[in-house]
Amino acid sequence: MKLVDYLRNNKINTLDFANELGVSRQSIYNYIADPSQPNHAIPRPHILTKIVNMTQGEVTFKDFYVYEEDI
């Protein structure tokens, strides 16, 4: 599940999630941006691990990458 979908489905605002994760709100916006957007960013591995843990595995590492079959 994409992070943006997780946040929306669970009614979690980006500021609350950013604070709990220990990053800026802008970082969350960058993580949920479409990969074609210039501000898109993939979290560093230690942040990815925290996201997977905070979402209880609903958002995984692979959810931040685009694969050929997705294009």
PDB file of N, CA and C in Angstrom:
ATOM      1  N   MET A   1       0.857  -1.169   0.000  1.00  0.00           N
ATOM      2  CA  MET A   1       0.000   0.000   0.000  1.00  0.00           C
ATOM      3  C   MET A   1       0.904   1.233   0.000  1.00  0.00           C
ATOM      4  N   LYS A   2       0.564   2.194  -0.811  1.00  0.00           N
ATOM      5  CA  LYS A   2       1.305   3.454  -0.853  1.00  0.00           C
ATOM      6  C   LYS A   2       1.082   4.218   0.455  1.00  0.00           C
ATOM      7  N   LEU A   3       2.082   4.973   0.863  1.00  0.00           N
ATOM      8  CA  LEU A   3       1.986   5.736   2.105  1.00  0.00           C
ATOM      9  C   LEU A   3       0.813   6.710   2.073  1.00  0.00           C
ATOM     10  N   VAL A   4       0.602   7.360   0.949  1.00  0.00           N
ATOM     11  CA  VAL A   4      -0.510   8.312   0.841  1.00  0.00           C
ATOM     12  C   VAL A   4      -1.849   7.617   1.093  1.00  0.00           C
ATOM     13  N   ASP A   5      -1.996   6.390   0.604  1.00  0.00           N
ATOM     14  CA  ASP A   5      -3.235   5.631   0.824  1.00  0.00           C
ATOM     15  C   ASP A   5      -3.379   5.233   2.284  1.00  0.00           C
ATOM     16  N   TYR A   6      -2.278   4.831   2.897  1.00  0.00           N
ATOM     17  CA  TYR A   6      -2.310   4.471   4.320  1.00  0.00           C
ATOM     18  C   TYR A   6      -2.761   5.663   5.166  1.00  0.00           C
ATOM     19  N   LEU A   7      -2.153   6.815   4.906  1.00  0.00           N
ATOM     20  CA  LEU A   7      -2.506   8.013   5.679  1.00  0.00           C
ATOM     21  C   LEU A   7      -3.967   8.376   5.472  1.00  0.00           C
ATOM     22  N   ARG A   8      -4.426   8.328   4.232  1.00  0.00           N
ATOM     23  CA  ARG A   8      -5.816   8.668   3.929  1.00  0.00           C
ATOM     24  C   ARG A   8      -6.778   7.668   4.570  1.00  0.00           C
ATOM     25  N   ASN A   9      -6.512   6.378   4.398  1.00  0.00           N
ATOM     26  CA  ASN A   9      -7.401   5.332   4.928  1.00  0.00           C
ATOM     27  C   ASN A   9      -7.516   5.371   6.446  1.00  0.00           C
ATOM     28  N   ASN A  10      -6.437   5.776   7.095  1.00  0.00           N
ATOM     29  CA  ASN A  10      -6.412   5.801   8.554  1.00  0.00           C
ATOM     30  C   ASN A  10      -6.630   7.191   9.134  1.00  0.00           C
ATOM     31  N   LYS A  11      -6.954   8.137   8.256  1.00  0.00           N
ATOM     32  CA  LYS A  11      -7.249   9.517   8.671  1.00  0.00           C
ATOM     33  C   LYS A  11      -6.134  10.112   9.541  1.00  0.00           C
ATOM     34  N   ILE A  12      -4.898   9.913   9.070  1.00  0.00           N
ATOM     35  CA  ILE A  12      -3.719  10.440   9.762  1.00  0.00           C
ATOM     36  C   ILE A  12      -3.215  11.631   8.964  1.00  0.00           C
ATOM     37  N   ASN A  13      -3.061  12.772   9.631  1.00  0.00           N
ATOM     38  CA  ASN A  13      -2.568  13.923   8.873  1.00  0.00           C
ATOM     39  C   ASN A  13      -1.046  13.871   8.777  1.00  0.00           C
ATOM     40  N   THR A  14      -0.541  14.537   7.746  1.00  0.00           N
ATOM     41  CA  THR A  14       0.888  14.459   7.454  1.00  0.00           C
ATOM     42  C   THR A  14       1.752  15.027   8.576  1.00  0.00           C
ATOM     43  N   LEU A  15       1.288  16.057   9.254  1.00  0.00           N
ATOM     44  CA  LEU A  15       2.079  16.645  10.337  1.00  0.00           C
ATOM     45  C   LEU A  15       2.214  15.674  11.506  1.00  0.00           C
ATOM     46  N   ASP A  16       1.130  15.032  11.893  1.00  0.00           N
ATOM     47  CA  ASP A  16       1.193  14.061  12.989  1.00  0.00           C
ATOM     48  C   ASP A  16       2.121  12.902  12.635  1.00  0.00           C
ATOM     49  N   PHE A  17       2.003  12.402  11.405  1.00  0.00           N
ATOM     50  CA  PHE A  17       2.838  11.282  10.984  1.00  0.00           C
ATOM     51  C   PHE A  17       4.308  11.705  10.940  1.00  0.00           C
ATOM     52  N   ALA A  18       4.560  12.901  10.413  1.00  0.00           N
ATOM     53  CA  ALA A  18       5.934  13.411  10.342  1.00  0.00           C
ATOM     54  C   ALA A  18       6.542  13.540  11.729  1.00  0.00           C
ATOM     55  N   ASN A  19       5.771  14.080  12.659  1.00  0.00           N
ATOM     56  CA  ASN A  19       6.280  14.239  14.025  1.00  0.00           C
ATOM     57  C   ASN A  19       6.595  12.895  14.663  1.00  0.00           C
ATOM     58  N   GLU A  20       5.708  11.929  14.480  1.00  0.00           N
ATOM     59  CA  GLU A  20       5.941  10.601  15.052  1.00  0.00           C
ATOM     60  C   GLU A  20       7.140   9.914  14.394  1.00  0.00           C
ATOM     61  N   LEU A  21       7.313  10.160  13.102  1.00  0.00           N
ATOM     62  CA  LEU A  21       8.415   9.558  12.357  1.00  0.00           C
ATOM     63  C   LEU A  21       9.743  10.262  12.626  1.00  0.00           C
ATOM     64  N   GLY A  22       9.661  11.535  13.032  1.00  0.00           N
ATOM     65  CA  GLY A  22      10.881  12.292  13.305  1.00  0.00           C
ATOM     66  C   GLY A  22      11.449  12.983  12.073  1.00  0.00           C
ATOM     67  N   VAL A  23      10.563  13.330  11.133  1.00  0.00           N
ATOM     68  CA  VAL A  23      10.974  14.047   9.933  1.00  0.00           C
ATOM     69  C   VAL A  23      10.075  15.273   9.776  1.00  0.00           C
ATOM     70  N   SER A  24      10.392  16.101   8.798  1.00  0.00           N
ATOM     71  CA  SER A  24       9.566  17.285   8.548  1.00  0.00           C
ATOM     72  C   SER A  24       8.308  16.905   7.769  1.00  0.00           C
ATOM     73  N   ARG A  25       7.322  17.786   7.846  1.00  0.00           N
ATOM     74  CA  ARG A  25       6.101  17.587   7.063  1.00  0.00           C
ATOM     75  C   ARG A  25       6.448  17.573   5.570  1.00  0.00           C
ATOM     76  N   GLN A  26       7.398  18.408   5.165  1.00  0.00           N
ATOM     77  CA  GLN A  26       7.801  18.450   3.757  1.00  0.00           C
ATOM     78  C   GLN A  26       8.371  17.105   3.316  1.00  0.00           C
ATOM     79  N   SER A  27       9.085  16.432   4.197  1.00  0.00           N
ATOM     80  CA  SER A  27       9.612  15.108   3.852  1.00  0.00           C
ATOM     81  C   SER A  27       8.469  14.150   3.526  1.00  0.00           C
ATOM     82  N   ILE A  28       7.410  14.194   4.313  1.00  0.00           N
ATOM     83  CA  ILE A  28       6.258  13.321   4.047  1.00  0.00           C
ATOM     84  C   ILE A  28       5.668  13.660   2.687  1.00  0.00           C
ATOM     85  N   TYR A  29       5.518  14.959   2.383  1.00  0.00           N
ATOM     86  CA  TYR A  29       5.008  15.355   1.068  1.00  0.00           C
ATOM     87  C   TYR A  29       5.908  14.822  -0.048  1.00  0.00           C
ATOM     88  N   ASN A  30       7.207  14.851   0.177  1.00  0.00           N
ATOM     89  CA  ASN A  30       8.133  14.328  -0.828  1.00  0.00           C
ATOM     90  C   ASN A  30       8.008  12.811  -0.975  1.00  0.00           C
ATOM     91  N   TYR A  31       7.782  12.113   0.122  1.00  0.00           N
ATOM     92  CA  TYR A  31       7.641  10.657   0.067  1.00  0.00           C
ATOM     93  C   TYR A  31       6.362  10.241  -0.651  1.00  0.00           C
ATOM     94  N   ILE A  32       5.306  11.054  -0.532  1.00  0.00           N
ATOM     95  CA  ILE A  32       4.029  10.664  -1.148  1.00  0.00           C
ATOM     96  C   ILE A  32       3.838  11.273  -2.540  1.00  0.00           C
ATOM     97  N   ALA A  33       4.783  12.107  -2.974  1.00  0.00           N
ATOM     98  CA  ALA A  33       4.687  12.717  -4.303  1.00  0.00           C
ATOM     99  C   ALA A  33       4.797  11.636  -5.381  1.00  0.00           C
ATOM    100  N   ASP A  34       4.126  11.886  -6.494  1.00  0.00           N
ATOM    101  CA  ASP A  34       4.222  10.985  -7.645  1.00  0.00           C
ATOM    102  C   ASP A  34       5.679  10.914  -8.095  1.00  0.00           C
ATOM    103  N   PRO A  35       6.171   9.728  -8.449  1.00  0.00           N
ATOM    104  CA  PRO A  35       7.575   9.590  -8.861  1.00  0.00           C
ATOM    105  C   PRO A  35       7.977  10.480 -10.032  1.00  0.00           C
ATOM    106  N   SER A  36       7.011  10.931 -10.812  1.00  0.00           N
ATOM    107  CA  SER A  36       7.346  11.800 -11.948  1.00  0.00           C
ATOM    108  C   SER A  36       7.564  13.251 -11.513  1.00  0.00           C
ATOM    109  N   GLN A  37       7.252  13.579 -10.277  1.00  0.00           N
ATOM    110  CA  GLN A  37       7.393  14.939  -9.774  1.00  0.00           C
ATOM    111  C   GLN A  37       8.825  15.187  -9.297  1.00  0.00           C
ATOM    112  N   PRO A  38       9.330  16.403  -9.508  1.00  0.00           N
ATOM    113  CA  PRO A  38      10.726  16.686  -9.135  1.00  0.00           C
ATOM    114  C   PRO A  38      10.995  16.622  -7.627  1.00  0.00           C
ATOM    115  N   ASN A  39       9.968  16.788  -6.811  1.00  0.00           N
ATOM    116  CA  ASN A  39      10.184  16.748  -5.360  1.00  0.00           C
ATOM    117  C   ASN A  39      10.076  15.341  -4.777  1.00  0.00           C
ATOM    118  N   HIS A  40       9.760  14.345  -5.619  1.00  0.00           N
ATOM    119  CA  HIS A  40       9.617  12.966  -5.122  1.00  0.00           C
ATOM    120  C   HIS A  40      10.920  12.502  -4.477  1.00  0.00           C
ATOM    121  N   ALA A  41      10.790  11.852  -3.332  1.00  0.00           N
ATOM    122  CA  ALA A  41      11.960  11.325  -2.634  1.00  0.00           C
ATOM    123  C   ALA A  41      11.618   9.973  -2.033  1.00  0.00           C
ATOM    124  N   ILE A  42      12.605   9.101  -2.010  1.00  0.00           N
ATOM    125  CA  ILE A  42      12.481   7.813  -1.338  1.00  0.00           C
ATOM    126  C   ILE A  42      13.186   7.962   0.001  1.00  0.00           C
ATOM    127  N   PRO A  43      12.518   7.586   1.079  1.00  0.00           N
ATOM    128  CA  PRO A  43      13.138   7.734   2.403  1.00  0.00           C
ATOM    129  C   PRO A  43      14.426   6.925   2.533  1.00  0.00           C
ATOM    130  N   ARG A  44      15.314   7.408   3.364  1.00  0.00           N
ATOM    131  CA  ARG A  44      16.542   6.661   3.675  1.00  0.00           C
ATOM    132  C   ARG A  44      16.154   5.347   4.358  1.00  0.00           C
ATOM    133  N   PRO A  45      17.027   4.352   4.288  1.00  0.00           N
ATOM    134  CA  PRO A  45      16.680   3.025   4.823  1.00  0.00           C
ATOM    135  C   PRO A  45      16.186   3.030   6.274  1.00  0.00           C
ATOM    136  N   HIS A  46      16.800   3.818   7.155  1.00  0.00           N
ATOM    137  CA  HIS A  46      16.352   3.796   8.557  1.00  0.00           C
ATOM    138  C   HIS A  46      14.959   4.410   8.700  1.00  0.00           C
ATOM    139  N   ILE A  47      14.616   5.379   7.842  1.00  0.00           N
ATOM    140  CA  ILE A  47      13.270   5.963   7.865  1.00  0.00           C
ATOM    141  C   ILE A  47      12.274   4.981   7.256  1.00  0.00           C
ATOM    142  N   LEU A  48      12.674   4.307   6.182  1.00  0.00           N
ATOM    143  CA  LEU A  48      11.809   3.280   5.587  1.00  0.00           C
ATOM    144  C   LEU A  48      11.449   2.212   6.612  1.00  0.00           C
ATOM    145  N   THR A  49      12.434   1.793   7.371  1.00  0.00           N
ATOM    146  CA  THR A  49      12.194   0.781   8.403  1.00  0.00           C
ATOM    147  C   THR A  49      11.186   1.280   9.429  1.00  0.00           C
ATOM    148  N   LYS A  50      11.318   2.532   9.830  1.00  0.00           N
ATOM    149  CA  LYS A  50      10.368   3.108  10.788  1.00  0.00           C
ATOM    150  C   LYS A  50       8.961   3.176  10.205  1.00  0.00           C
ATOM    151  N   ILE A  51       8.849   3.532   8.911  1.00  0.00           N
ATOM    152  CA  ILE A  51       7.534   3.598   8.263  1.00  0.00           C
ATOM    153  C   ILE A  51       6.882   2.215   8.227  1.00  0.00           C
ATOM    154  N   VAL A  52       7.648   1.207   7.857  1.00  0.00           N
ATOM    155  CA  VAL A  52       7.118  -0.157   7.831  1.00  0.00           C
ATOM    156  C   VAL A  52       6.635  -0.555   9.221  1.00  0.00           C
ATOM    157  N   ASN A  53       7.415  -0.249  10.241  1.00  0.00           N
ATOM    158  CA  ASN A  53       7.029  -0.587  11.609  1.00  0.00           C
ATOM    159  C   ASN A  53       5.816   0.210  12.079  1.00  0.00           C
ATOM    160  N   MET A  54       5.796   1.509  11.800  1.00  0.00           N
ATOM    161  CA  MET A  54       4.680   2.353  12.238  1.00  0.00           C
ATOM    162  C   MET A  54       3.369   1.961  11.576  1.00  0.00           C
ATOM    163  N   THR A  55       3.448   1.462  10.343  1.00  0.00           N
ATOM    164  CA  THR A  55       2.232   1.067   9.616  1.00  0.00           C
ATOM    165  C   THR A  55       1.938  -0.421   9.787  1.00  0.00           C
ATOM    166  N   GLN A  56       2.672  -1.064  10.660  1.00  0.00           N
ATOM    167  CA  GLN A  56       2.519  -2.497  10.933  1.00  0.00           C
ATOM    168  C   GLN A  56       2.578  -3.323   9.654  1.00  0.00           C
ATOM    169  N   GLY A  57       3.483  -2.917   8.760  1.00  0.00           N
ATOM    170  CA  GLY A  57       3.721  -3.666   7.529  1.00  0.00           C
ATOM    171  C   GLY A  57       2.741  -3.385   6.409  1.00  0.00           C
ATOM    172  N   GLU A  58       1.791  -2.494   6.631  1.00  0.00           N
ATOM    173  CA  GLU A  58       0.849  -2.181   5.545  1.00  0.00           C
ATOM    174  C   GLU A  58       1.538  -1.414   4.426  1.00  0.00           C
ATOM    175  N   VAL A  59       2.527  -0.605   4.764  1.00  0.00           N
ATOM    176  CA  VAL A  59       3.375   0.056   3.782  1.00  0.00           C
ATOM    177  C   VAL A  59       4.717  -0.657   3.855  1.00  0.00           C
ATOM    178  N   THR A  60       5.215  -1.109   2.716  1.00  0.00           N
ATOM    179  CA  THR A  60       6.467  -1.860   2.686  1.00  0.00           C
ATOM    180  C   THR A  60       7.530  -1.106   1.903  1.00  0.00           C
ATOM    181  N   PHE A  61       8.750  -1.624   1.945  1.00  0.00           N
ATOM    182  CA  PHE A  61       9.857  -1.021   1.210  1.00  0.00           C
ATOM    183  C   PHE A  61       9.520  -0.889  -0.266  1.00  0.00           C
ATOM    184  N   LYS A  62       8.961  -1.950  -0.841  1.00  0.00           N
ATOM    185  CA  LYS A  62       8.703  -1.955  -2.282  1.00  0.00           C
ATOM    186  C   LYS A  62       7.644  -0.934  -2.696  1.00  0.00           C
ATOM    187  N   ASP A  63       6.845  -0.474  -1.761  1.00  0.00           N
ATOM    188  CA  ASP A  63       5.812   0.510  -2.091  1.00  0.00           C
ATOM    189  C   ASP A  63       6.385   1.874  -2.469  1.00  0.00           C
ATOM    190  N   PHE A  64       7.669   2.080  -2.232  1.00  0.00           N
ATOM    191  CA  PHE A  64       8.302   3.353  -2.564  1.00  0.00           C
ATOM    192  C   PHE A  64       9.025   3.323  -3.904  1.00  0.00           C
ATOM    193  N   TYR A  65       9.009   2.184  -4.569  1.00  0.00           N
ATOM    194  CA  TYR A  65       9.720   2.043  -5.838  1.00  0.00           C
ATOM    195  C   TYR A  65       8.743   1.777  -6.969  1.00  0.00           C
ATOM    196  N   VAL A  66       9.095   2.216  -8.166  1.00  0.00           N
ATOM    197  CA  VAL A  66       8.294   1.982  -9.361  1.00  0.00           C
ATOM    198  C   VAL A  66       8.965   0.860 -10.136  1.00  0.00           C
ATOM    199  N   TYR A  67       8.180  -0.134 -10.505  1.00  0.00           N
ATOM    200  CA  TYR A  67       8.679  -1.256 -11.269  1.00  0.00           C
ATOM    201  C   TYR A  67       8.168  -1.174 -12.693  1.00  0.00           C
ATOM    202  N   GLU A  68       8.895  -1.792 -13.623  1.00  0.00           N
ATOM    203  CA  GLU A  68       8.524  -1.727 -15.034  1.00  0.00           C
ATOM    204  C   GLU A  68       7.081  -2.131 -15.275  1.00  0.00           C
ATOM    205  N   GLU A  69       6.606  -3.136 -14.593  1.00  0.00           N
ATOM    206  CA  GLU A  69       5.230  -3.592 -14.820  1.00  0.00           C
ATOM    207  C   GLU A  69       4.207  -2.561 -14.347  1.00  0.00           C
ATOM    208  N   ASP A  70       4.642  -1.587 -13.530  1.00  0.00           N
ATOM    209  CA  ASP A  70       3.749  -0.528 -13.069  1.00  0.00           C
ATOM    210  C   ASP A  70       3.612   0.600 -14.092  1.00  0.00           C
ATOM    211  N   ILE A  71       4.500   0.616 -15.056  1.00  0.00           N
ATOM    212  CA  ILE A  71       4.524   1.721 -16.036  1.00  0.00           C
ATOM    213  C   ILE A  71       3.539   1.449 -17.165  1.00  0.00           C
TER     214      ILE A  71
END
